[in-house]
Amino acid sequence: MTPNLLMNLNGGPPTYLRVGAGVYPVYGDELRGWSPRADDFQGLGASSPYVYQSLDELFFALVNLCVSGGAARRGAQHRSH
């Protein structure tokens, strides 16, 4: 089962989170949790470290990733010049 990017796993409209200039599709629902990876919901017993209990939790994980990744990239660019 590969979810269609135009629909969420529950058959509803897609869910997106905006973090800075980026817009990220997220998959899941209130019952199973939320993940930026559709593959995390393939099996019934599958467990993934990328599944978060709430959209708020996933949002802040994405913010932390963007902030730490952006700072690392800017530092690398400055060192190479």
PDB file of N, CA and C in Angstrom:
ATOM      1  N   MET A   1       0.849  -1.181   0.000  1.00  0.00           N
ATOM      2  CA  MET A   1       0.000   0.000   0.000  1.00  0.00           C
ATOM      3  C   MET A   1       0.886   1.233   0.000  1.00  0.00           C
ATOM      4  N   THR A   2       0.849   1.992  -1.058  1.00  0.00           N
ATOM      5  CA  THR A   2       1.570   3.260  -1.117  1.00  0.00           C
ATOM      6  C   THR A   2       0.540   4.373  -1.114  1.00  0.00           C
ATOM      7  N   PRO A   3       0.555   5.231  -0.087  1.00  0.00           N
ATOM      8  CA  PRO A   3      -0.437   6.299  -0.031  1.00  0.00           C
ATOM      9  C   PRO A   3      -0.262   7.278  -1.186  1.00  0.00           C
ATOM     10  N   ASN A   4      -1.360   7.726  -1.711  1.00  0.00           N
ATOM     11  CA  ASN A   4      -1.351   8.748  -2.740  1.00  0.00           C
ATOM     12  C   ASN A   4      -0.973  10.067  -2.070  1.00  0.00           C
ATOM     13  N   LEU A   5      -0.072  10.822  -2.656  1.00  0.00           N
ATOM     14  CA  LEU A   5       0.347  12.081  -2.055  1.00  0.00           C
ATOM     15  C   LEU A   5      -0.790  13.095  -2.002  1.00  0.00           C
ATOM     16  N   LEU A   6      -1.856  12.867  -2.749  1.00  0.00           N
ATOM     17  CA  LEU A   6      -2.974  13.796  -2.735  1.00  0.00           C
ATOM     18  C   LEU A   6      -3.963  13.479  -1.617  1.00  0.00           C
ATOM     19  N   MET A   7      -3.771  12.368  -0.914  1.00  0.00           N
ATOM     20  CA  MET A   7      -4.654  11.995   0.189  1.00  0.00           C
ATOM     21  C   MET A   7      -3.813  11.561   1.380  1.00  0.00           C
ATOM     22  N   ASN A   8      -4.330  11.770   2.562  1.00  0.00           N
ATOM     23  CA  ASN A   8      -3.659  11.304   3.762  1.00  0.00           C
ATOM     24  C   ASN A   8      -3.994   9.831   3.961  1.00  0.00           C
ATOM     25  N   LEU A   9      -3.390   9.184   4.945  1.00  0.00           N
ATOM     26  CA  LEU A   9      -3.617   7.764   5.175  1.00  0.00           C
ATOM     27  C   LEU A   9      -5.066   7.442   5.499  1.00  0.00           C
ATOM     28  N   ASN A  10      -5.773   8.357   6.115  1.00  0.00           N
ATOM     29  CA  ASN A  10      -7.158   8.113   6.491  1.00  0.00           C
ATOM     30  C   ASN A  10      -8.129   8.446   5.375  1.00  0.00           C
ATOM     31  N   GLY A  11      -7.627   8.754   4.179  1.00  0.00           N
ATOM     32  CA  GLY A  11      -8.479   9.056   3.044  1.00  0.00           C
ATOM     33  C   GLY A  11      -8.922  10.505   2.976  1.00  0.00           C
ATOM     34  N   GLY A  12      -8.533  11.295   3.951  1.00  0.00           N
ATOM     35  CA  GLY A  12      -8.895  12.711   3.968  1.00  0.00           C
ATOM     36  C   GLY A  12      -7.924  13.543   3.164  1.00  0.00           C
ATOM     37  N   PRO A  13      -8.111  14.843   3.200  1.00  0.00           N
ATOM     38  CA  PRO A  13      -7.192  15.727   2.473  1.00  0.00           C
ATOM     39  C   PRO A  13      -5.787  15.646   3.070  1.00  0.00           C
ATOM     40  N   PRO A  14      -4.776  15.947   2.269  1.00  0.00           N
ATOM     41  CA  PRO A  14      -3.401  15.871   2.776  1.00  0.00           C
ATOM     42  C   PRO A  14      -3.158  16.892   3.882  1.00  0.00           C
ATOM     43  N   THR A  15      -2.190  16.575   4.736  1.00  0.00           N
ATOM     44  CA  THR A  15      -1.800  17.472   5.815  1.00  0.00           C
ATOM     45  C   THR A  15      -0.384  17.957   5.523  1.00  0.00           C
ATOM     46  N   TYR A  16      -0.183  19.249   5.639  1.00  0.00           N
ATOM     47  CA  TYR A  16       1.131  19.848   5.410  1.00  0.00           C
ATOM     48  C   TYR A  16       1.495  20.712   6.606  1.00  0.00           C
ATOM     49  N   LEU A  17       2.788  20.759   6.908  1.00  0.00           N
ATOM     50  CA  LEU A  17       3.293  21.651   7.940  1.00  0.00           C
ATOM     51  C   LEU A  17       4.264  22.626   7.298  1.00  0.00           C
ATOM     52  N   ARG A  18       4.089  23.905   7.580  1.00  0.00           N
ATOM     53  CA  ARG A  18       5.009  24.931   7.074  1.00  0.00           C
ATOM     54  C   ARG A  18       6.014  25.239   8.178  1.00  0.00           C
ATOM     55  N   VAL A  19       7.291  25.089   7.841  1.00  0.00           N
ATOM     56  CA  VAL A  19       8.379  25.416   8.764  1.00  0.00           C
ATOM     57  C   VAL A  19       9.321  26.333   8.004  1.00  0.00           C
ATOM     58  N   GLY A  20       9.339  27.596   8.393  1.00  0.00           N
ATOM     59  CA  GLY A  20      10.134  28.576   7.660  1.00  0.00           C
ATOM     60  C   GLY A  20       9.617  28.686   6.241  1.00  0.00           C
ATOM     61  N   ALA A  21      10.510  28.554   5.266  1.00  0.00           N
ATOM     62  CA  ALA A  21      10.116  28.638   3.867  1.00  0.00           C
ATOM     63  C   ALA A  21       9.692  27.284   3.309  1.00  0.00           C
ATOM     64  N   GLY A  22       9.885  26.209   4.076  1.00  0.00           N
ATOM     65  CA  GLY A  22       9.559  24.872   3.599  1.00  0.00           C
ATOM     66  C   GLY A  22       8.153  24.441   3.958  1.00  0.00           C
ATOM     67  N   VAL A  23       7.558  23.631   3.092  1.00  0.00           N
ATOM     68  CA  VAL A  23       6.256  23.028   3.337  1.00  0.00           C
ATOM     69  C   VAL A  23       6.447  21.524   3.226  1.00  0.00           C
ATOM     70  N   TYR A  24       6.097  20.787   4.291  1.00  0.00           N
ATOM     71  CA  TYR A  24       6.366  19.358   4.378  1.00  0.00           C
ATOM     72  C   TYR A  24       5.068  18.565   4.463  1.00  0.00           C
ATOM     73  N   PRO A  25       4.889  17.541   3.608  1.00  0.00           N
ATOM     74  CA  PRO A  25       3.726  16.670   3.757  1.00  0.00           C
ATOM     75  C   PRO A  25       3.939  15.783   4.982  1.00  0.00           C
ATOM     76  N   VAL A  26       2.896  15.556   5.744  1.00  0.00           N
ATOM     77  CA  VAL A  26       2.970  14.649   6.887  1.00  0.00           C
ATOM     78  C   VAL A  26       1.840  13.636   6.767  1.00  0.00           C
ATOM     79  N   TYR A  27       2.064  12.460   7.313  1.00  0.00           N
ATOM     80  CA  TYR A  27       1.143  11.347   7.158  1.00  0.00           C
ATOM     81  C   TYR A  27       0.716  10.851   8.530  1.00  0.00           C
ATOM     82  N   GLY A  28      -0.476  10.309   8.591  1.00  0.00           N
ATOM     83  CA  GLY A  28      -0.958   9.724   9.824  1.00  0.00           C
ATOM     84  C   GLY A  28      -2.294  10.290  10.236  1.00  0.00           C
ATOM     85  N   ASP A  29      -2.621  10.066  11.506  1.00  0.00           N
ATOM     86  CA  ASP A  29      -3.855  10.575  12.076  1.00  0.00           C
ATOM     87  C   ASP A  29      -3.715  10.596  13.592  1.00  0.00           C
ATOM     88  N   GLU A  30      -4.757  11.045  14.272  1.00  0.00           N
ATOM     89  CA  GLU A  30      -4.713  11.167  15.733  1.00  0.00           C
ATOM     90  C   GLU A  30      -4.553   9.813  16.419  1.00  0.00           C
ATOM     91  N   LEU A  31      -5.025   8.752  15.792  1.00  0.00           N
ATOM     92  CA  LEU A  31      -4.958   7.419  16.403  1.00  0.00           C
ATOM     93  C   LEU A  31      -3.570   6.791  16.275  1.00  0.00           C
ATOM     94  N   ARG A  32      -3.002   6.820  15.076  1.00  0.00           N
ATOM     95  CA  ARG A  32      -1.712   6.157  14.824  1.00  0.00           C
ATOM     96  C   ARG A  32      -0.512   7.041  15.048  1.00  0.00           C
ATOM     97  N   GLY A  33      -0.705   8.340  15.088  1.00  0.00           N
ATOM     98  CA  GLY A  33       0.412   9.265  15.212  1.00  0.00           C
ATOM     99  C   GLY A  33       0.715   9.903  13.870  1.00  0.00           C
ATOM    100  N   TRP A  34       1.765  10.704  13.831  1.00  0.00           N
ATOM    101  CA  TRP A  34       2.126  11.496  12.650  1.00  0.00           C
ATOM    102  C   TRP A  34       3.586  11.288  12.297  1.00  0.00           C
ATOM    103  N   SER A  35       3.893  11.291  11.003  1.00  0.00           N
ATOM    104  CA  SER A  35       5.258  11.089  10.546  1.00  0.00           C
ATOM    105  C   SER A  35       5.472  11.835   9.228  1.00  0.00           C
ATOM    106  N   PRO A  36       6.709  12.273   8.975  1.00  0.00           N
ATOM    107  CA  PRO A  36       7.012  12.849   7.667  1.00  0.00           C
ATOM    108  C   PRO A  36       7.232  11.767   6.607  1.00  0.00           C
ATOM    109  N   ARG A  37       7.208  10.499   7.026  1.00  0.00           N
ATOM    110  CA  ARG A  37       7.454   9.376   6.114  1.00  0.00           C
ATOM    111  C   ARG A  37       6.209   8.511   5.991  1.00  0.00           C
ATOM    112  N   ALA A  38       5.666   8.379   4.802  1.00  0.00           N
ATOM    113  CA  ALA A  38       4.490   7.535   4.571  1.00  0.00           C
ATOM    114  C   ALA A  38       4.807   6.066   4.859  1.00  0.00           C
ATOM    115  N   ASP A  39       6.051   5.649   4.651  1.00  0.00           N
ATOM    116  CA  ASP A  39       6.455   4.258   4.865  1.00  0.00           C
ATOM    117  C   ASP A  39       6.319   3.812   6.319  1.00  0.00           C
ATOM    118  N   ASP A  40       6.239   4.739   7.249  1.00  0.00           N
ATOM    119  CA  ASP A  40       6.148   4.373   8.660  1.00  0.00           C
ATOM    120  C   ASP A  40       4.829   3.695   9.006  1.00  0.00           C
ATOM    121  N   PHE A  41       3.875   3.689   8.097  1.00  0.00           N
ATOM    122  CA  PHE A  41       2.563   3.113   8.373  1.00  0.00           C
ATOM    123  C   PHE A  41       2.268   1.902   7.508  1.00  0.00           C
ATOM    124  N   GLN A  42       3.297   1.230   7.018  1.00  0.00           N
ATOM    125  CA  GLN A  42       3.111   0.074   6.143  1.00  0.00           C
ATOM    126  C   GLN A  42       2.541  -1.136   6.881  1.00  0.00           C
ATOM    127  N   GLY A  43       3.096  -1.484   8.028  1.00  0.00           N
ATOM    128  CA  GLY A  43       2.666  -2.681   8.748  1.00  0.00           C
ATOM    129  C   GLY A  43       1.917  -2.332  10.019  1.00  0.00           C
ATOM    130  N   LEU A  44       1.092  -3.267  10.474  1.00  0.00           N
ATOM    131  CA  LEU A  44       0.325  -3.027  11.693  1.00  0.00           C
ATOM    132  C   LEU A  44       1.210  -2.943  12.925  1.00  0.00           C
ATOM    133  N   GLY A  45       2.248  -3.779  13.007  1.00  0.00           N
ATOM    134  CA  GLY A  45       3.102  -3.804  14.184  1.00  0.00           C
ATOM    135  C   GLY A  45       4.389  -3.019  14.017  1.00  0.00           C
ATOM    136  N   ALA A  46       4.514  -2.319  12.907  1.00  0.00           N
ATOM    137  CA  ALA A  46       5.757  -1.588  12.636  1.00  0.00           C
ATOM    138  C   ALA A  46       5.932  -0.440  13.623  1.00  0.00           C
ATOM    139  N   SER A  47       7.159  -0.280  14.050  1.00  0.00           N
ATOM    140  CA  SER A  47       7.480   0.803  14.966  1.00  0.00           C
ATOM    141  C   SER A  47       8.590   1.632  14.342  1.00  0.00           C
ATOM    142  N   SER A  48       8.454   2.936  14.395  1.00  0.00           N
ATOM    143  CA  SER A  48       9.437   3.814  13.782  1.00  0.00           C
ATOM    144  C   SER A  48       9.757   4.962  14.733  1.00  0.00           C
ATOM    145  N   PRO A  49      11.010   5.390  14.777  1.00  0.00           N
ATOM    146  CA  PRO A  49      11.361   6.546  15.615  1.00  0.00           C
ATOM    147  C   PRO A  49      10.852   7.861  15.038  1.00  0.00           C
ATOM    148  N   TYR A  50      10.291   7.822  13.818  1.00  0.00           N
ATOM    149  CA  TYR A  50       9.822   9.044  13.170  1.00  0.00           C
ATOM    150  C   TYR A  50       8.332   9.291  13.359  1.00  0.00           C
ATOM    151  N   VAL A  51       7.651   8.456  14.149  1.00  0.00           N
ATOM    152  CA  VAL A  51       6.222   8.638  14.396  1.00  0.00           C
ATOM    153  C   VAL A  51       6.054   9.411  15.697  1.00  0.00           C
ATOM    154  N   TYR A  52       5.344  10.518  15.608  1.00  0.00           N
ATOM    155  CA  TYR A  52       5.123  11.397  16.763  1.00  0.00           C
ATOM    156  C   TYR A  52       3.666  11.335  17.180  1.00  0.00           C
ATOM    157  N   GLN A  53       3.392  11.529  18.457  1.00  0.00           N
ATOM    158  CA  GLN A  53       2.040  11.399  18.982  1.00  0.00           C
ATOM    159  C   GLN A  53       1.108  12.515  18.520  1.00  0.00           C
ATOM    160  N   SER A  54       1.636  13.697  18.272  1.00  0.00           N
ATOM    161  CA  SER A  54       0.780  14.817  17.889  1.00  0.00           C
ATOM    162  C   SER A  54       1.439  15.619  16.766  1.00  0.00           C
ATOM    163  N   LEU A  55       0.629  16.410  16.087  1.00  0.00           N
ATOM    164  CA  LEU A  55       1.172  17.301  15.061  1.00  0.00           C
ATOM    165  C   LEU A  55       2.102  18.336  15.674  1.00  0.00           C
ATOM    166  N   ASP A  56       1.795  18.789  16.890  1.00  0.00           N
ATOM    167  CA  ASP A  56       2.670  19.755  17.565  1.00  0.00           C
ATOM    168  C   ASP A  56       4.065  19.176  17.775  1.00  0.00           C
ATOM    169  N   GLU A  57       4.114  17.926  18.234  1.00  0.00           N
ATOM    170  CA  GLU A  57       5.403  17.265  18.480  1.00  0.00           C
ATOM    171  C   GLU A  57       6.196  17.129  17.183  1.00  0.00           C
ATOM    172  N   LEU A  58       5.532  16.727  16.101  1.00  0.00           N
ATOM    173  CA  LEU A  58       6.201  16.603  14.807  1.00  0.00           C
ATOM    174  C   LEU A  58       6.653  17.969  14.300  1.00  0.00           C
ATOM    175  N   PHE A  59       5.830  18.994  14.471  1.00  0.00           N
ATOM    176  CA  PHE A  59       6.178  20.347  14.051  1.00  0.00           C
ATOM    177  C   PHE A  59       7.474  20.802  14.731  1.00  0.00           C
ATOM    178  N   PHE A  60       7.569  20.623  16.046  1.00  0.00           N
ATOM    179  CA  PHE A  60       8.767  21.073  16.754  1.00  0.00           C
ATOM    180  C   PHE A  60       9.993  20.236  16.398  1.00  0.00           C
ATOM    181  N   ALA A  61       9.805  18.957  16.055  1.00  0.00           N
ATOM    182  CA  ALA A  61      10.926  18.151  15.576  1.00  0.00           C
ATOM    183  C   ALA A  61      11.429  18.695  14.237  1.00  0.00           C
ATOM    184  N   LEU A  62      10.506  19.075  13.352  1.00  0.00           N
ATOM    185  CA  LEU A  62      10.907  19.659  12.074  1.00  0.00           C
ATOM    186  C   LEU A  62      11.586  21.012  12.259  1.00  0.00           C
ATOM    187  N   VAL A  63      11.087  21.823  13.188  1.00  0.00           N
ATOM    188  CA  VAL A  63      11.719  23.118  13.475  1.00  0.00           C
ATOM    189  C   VAL A  63      13.149  22.897  13.950  1.00  0.00           C
ATOM    190  N   ASN A  64      13.339  21.984  14.899  1.00  0.00           N
ATOM    191  CA  ASN A  64      14.687  21.704  15.410  1.00  0.00           C
ATOM    192  C   ASN A  64      15.609  21.212  14.304  1.00  0.00           C
ATOM    193  N   LEU A  65      15.096  20.352  13.440  1.00  0.00           N
ATOM    194  CA  LEU A  65      15.900  19.837  12.333  1.00  0.00           C
ATOM    195  C   LEU A  65      16.295  20.958  11.375  1.00  0.00           C
ATOM    196  N   CYS A  66      15.345  21.816  11.043  1.00  0.00           N
ATOM    197  CA  CYS A  66      15.633  22.925  10.124  1.00  0.00           C
ATOM    198  C   CYS A  66      16.611  23.923  10.733  1.00  0.00           C
ATOM    199  N   VAL A  67      16.439  24.230  12.000  1.00  0.00           N
ATOM    200  CA  VAL A  67      17.321  25.201  12.658  1.00  0.00           C
ATOM    201  C   VAL A  67      18.730  24.641  12.770  1.00  0.00           C
ATOM    202  N   SER A  68      18.871  23.425  13.205  1.00  0.00           N
ATOM    203  CA  SER A  68      20.214  22.852  13.374  1.00  0.00           C
ATOM    204  C   SER A  68      20.865  22.577  12.023  1.00  0.00           C
ATOM    205  N   GLY A  69      20.097  22.123  11.048  1.00  0.00           N
ATOM    206  CA  GLY A  69      20.639  21.863   9.712  1.00  0.00           C
ATOM    207  C   GLY A  69      21.022  23.138   9.005  1.00  0.00           C
ATOM    208  N   GLY A  70      20.216  24.178   9.146  1.00  0.00           N
ATOM    209  CA  GLY A  70      20.509  25.459   8.508  1.00  0.00           C
ATOM    210  C   GLY A  70      21.754  26.100   9.077  1.00  0.00           C
ATOM    211  N   ALA A  71      21.925  26.009  10.394  1.00  0.00           N
ATOM    212  CA  ALA A  71      23.109  26.591  11.038  1.00  0.00           C
ATOM    213  C   ALA A  71      24.369  25.852  10.603  1.00  0.00           C
ATOM    214  N   ALA A  72      24.280  24.539  10.472  1.00  0.00           N
ATOM    215  CA  ALA A  72      25.447  23.751  10.060  1.00  0.00           C
ATOM    216  C   ALA A  72      25.837  24.082   8.619  1.00  0.00           C
ATOM    217  N   ARG A  73      24.828  24.233   7.741  1.00  0.00           N
ATOM    218  CA  ARG A  73      25.131  24.560   6.340  1.00  0.00           C
ATOM    219  C   ARG A  73      25.753  25.946   6.226  1.00  0.00           C
ATOM    220  N   ARG A  74      25.230  26.922   6.963  1.00  0.00           N
ATOM    221  CA  ARG A  74      25.788  28.276   6.882  1.00  0.00           C
ATOM    222  C   ARG A  74      27.232  28.281   7.381  1.00  0.00           C
ATOM    223  N   GLY A  75      27.525  27.549   8.426  1.00  0.00           N
ATOM    224  CA  GLY A  75      28.889  27.487   8.944  1.00  0.00           C
ATOM    225  C   GLY A  75      29.839  26.868   7.952  1.00  0.00           C
ATOM    226  N   ALA A  76      29.390  25.814   7.260  1.00  0.00           N
ATOM    227  CA  ALA A  76      30.233  25.154   6.271  1.00  0.00           C
ATOM    228  C   ALA A  76      30.497  26.069   5.087  1.00  0.00           C
ATOM    229  N   GLN A  77      29.516  26.853   4.694  1.00  0.00           N
ATOM    230  CA  GLN A  77      29.705  27.777   3.578  1.00  0.00           C
ATOM    231  C   GLN A  77      30.720  28.853   3.931  1.00  0.00           C
ATOM    232  N   HIS A  78      30.657  29.374   5.140  1.00  0.00           N
ATOM    233  CA  HIS A  78      31.581  30.434   5.545  1.00  0.00           C
ATOM    234  C   HIS A  78      33.009  29.905   5.651  1.00  0.00           C
ATOM    235  N   ARG A  79      33.194  28.670   6.091  1.00  0.00           N
ATOM    236  CA  ARG A  79      34.532  28.106   6.240  1.00  0.00           C
ATOM    237  C   ARG A  79      35.192  27.851   4.892  1.00  0.00           C
ATOM    238  N   SER A  80      34.401  27.572   3.859  1.00  0.00           N
ATOM    239  CA  SER A  80      35.003  27.241   2.577  1.00  0.00           C
ATOM    240  C   SER A  80      35.475  28.467   1.796  1.00  0.00           C
ATOM    241  N   HIS A  81      35.107  29.660   2.222  1.00  0.00           N
ATOM    242  CA  HIS A  81      35.510  30.869   1.497  1.00  0.00           C
ATOM    243  C   HIS A  81      36.736  31.482   2.073  1.00  0.00           C
TER     244      HIS A  81
END
